[in-house]
């Protein structure tokens, strides 16, 4: 979001998600138990990126 200068409210509009959901995802410190494919796909389309740009594997 920062690289593309998009606020969470604008991302919510672009994805069709509730602003609270986008805000909650933005503030997570670890991977949620369940992340739907459609959610990840929506973020990638809105931000014009790949899933690997959003997720980092940490052991």
C-alpha atoms as a PDB file:
ATOM      1  CA  UNK A   1       0.000   0.000   0.000  1.00  0.00           C
ATOM      2  CA  UNK A   2       2.766   2.398   0.879  1.00  0.00           C
ATOM      3  CA  UNK A   3       4.622   1.732  -2.385  1.00  0.00           C
ATOM      4  CA  UNK A   4       1.488   2.585  -4.331  1.00  0.00           C
ATOM      5  CA  UNK A   5       0.424   5.414  -2.005  1.00  0.00           C
ATOM      6  CA  UNK A   6      -2.981   3.851  -1.355  1.00  0.00           C
ATOM      7  CA  UNK A   7      -4.807   4.335   1.944  1.00  0.00           C
ATOM      8  CA  UNK A   8      -6.705   1.409   3.439  1.00  0.00           C
ATOM      9  CA  UNK A   9     -10.065   3.074   2.705  1.00  0.00           C
ATOM     10  CA  UNK A  10      -9.190   3.366  -0.980  1.00  0.00           C
ATOM     11  CA  UNK A  11      -8.007  -0.253  -1.014  1.00  0.00           C
ATOM     12  CA  UNK A  12     -11.317  -1.260   0.558  1.00  0.00           C
ATOM     13  CA  UNK A  13     -13.167   0.493  -2.266  1.00  0.00           C
ATOM     14  CA  UNK A  14     -10.969  -1.144  -4.918  1.00  0.00           C
ATOM     15  CA  UNK A  15     -11.448  -4.627  -3.452  1.00  0.00           C
ATOM     16  CA  UNK A  16     -15.070  -4.311  -2.378  1.00  0.00           C
ATOM     17  CA  UNK A  17     -14.092  -5.245   1.175  1.00  0.00           C
ATOM     18  CA  UNK A  18     -15.170  -3.510   4.340  1.00  0.00           C
ATOM     19  CA  UNK A  19     -12.633  -0.875   5.484  1.00  0.00           C
ATOM     20  CA  UNK A  20     -12.431  -2.574   8.891  1.00  0.00           C
ATOM     21  CA  UNK A  21     -11.390  -5.845   7.254  1.00  0.00           C
ATOM     22  CA  UNK A  22      -8.652  -4.164   5.234  1.00  0.00           C
ATOM     23  CA  UNK A  23      -7.442  -2.296   8.318  1.00  0.00           C
ATOM     24  CA  UNK A  24      -7.371  -5.494  10.371  1.00  0.00           C
ATOM     25  CA  UNK A  25      -5.380  -7.339   7.678  1.00  0.00           C
ATOM     26  CA  UNK A  26      -2.981  -4.403   7.367  1.00  0.00           C
ATOM     27  CA  UNK A  27      -2.208  -4.452  11.090  1.00  0.00           C
ATOM     28  CA  UNK A  28      -1.677  -8.196  11.487  1.00  0.00           C
ATOM     29  CA  UNK A  29       1.723  -9.231  12.819  1.00  0.00           C
ATOM     30  CA  UNK A  30       1.327 -12.844  11.680  1.00  0.00           C
ATOM     31  CA  UNK A  31      -0.554 -14.825   9.059  1.00  0.00           C
ATOM     32  CA  UNK A  32      -4.247 -15.265   9.833  1.00  0.00           C
ATOM     33  CA  UNK A  33      -5.447 -18.825  10.446  1.00  0.00           C
ATOM     34  CA  UNK A  34      -7.528 -18.623   7.308  1.00  0.00           C
ATOM     35  CA  UNK A  35      -6.894 -16.435   4.290  1.00  0.00           C
ATOM     36  CA  UNK A  36      -9.278 -17.003   1.410  1.00  0.00           C
ATOM     37  CA  UNK A  37      -7.882 -17.202  -2.114  1.00  0.00           C
ATOM     38  CA  UNK A  38     -10.424 -14.602  -3.220  1.00  0.00           C
ATOM     39  CA  UNK A  39      -9.169 -12.160  -0.578  1.00  0.00           C
ATOM     40  CA  UNK A  40      -5.558 -12.519  -1.670  1.00  0.00           C
ATOM     41  CA  UNK A  41      -6.584 -12.271  -5.327  1.00  0.00           C
ATOM     42  CA  UNK A  42      -8.547  -9.074  -4.626  1.00  0.00           C
ATOM     43  CA  UNK A  43      -5.561  -7.450  -2.932  1.00  0.00           C
ATOM     44  CA  UNK A  44      -3.238  -8.483  -5.760  1.00  0.00           C
ATOM     45  CA  UNK A  45      -5.549  -7.105  -8.442  1.00  0.00           C
ATOM     46  CA  UNK A  46      -6.092  -3.827  -6.608  1.00  0.00           C
ATOM     47  CA  UNK A  47      -2.379  -3.360  -5.901  1.00  0.00           C
ATOM     48  CA  UNK A  48      -1.197  -4.766  -9.241  1.00  0.00           C
ATOM     49  CA  UNK A  49       1.158  -7.242  -7.586  1.00  0.00           C
ATOM     50  CA  UNK A  50       1.788 -10.946  -7.044  1.00  0.00           C
ATOM     51  CA  UNK A  51       0.992 -12.922  -3.850  1.00  0.00           C
ATOM     52  CA  UNK A  52       4.721 -13.161  -3.118  1.00  0.00           C
ATOM     53  CA  UNK A  53       4.846  -9.382  -2.939  1.00  0.00           C
ATOM     54  CA  UNK A  54       2.404  -9.490  -0.019  1.00  0.00           C
ATOM     55  CA  UNK A  55       3.465 -12.632   1.831  1.00  0.00           C
ATOM     56  CA  UNK A  56       6.828 -13.569   3.308  1.00  0.00           C
ATOM     57  CA  UNK A  57       7.587 -16.989   4.796  1.00  0.00           C
ATOM     58  CA  UNK A  58       9.174 -16.746   8.231  1.00  0.00           C
ATOM     59  CA  UNK A  59      10.371 -19.824  10.099  1.00  0.00           C
END
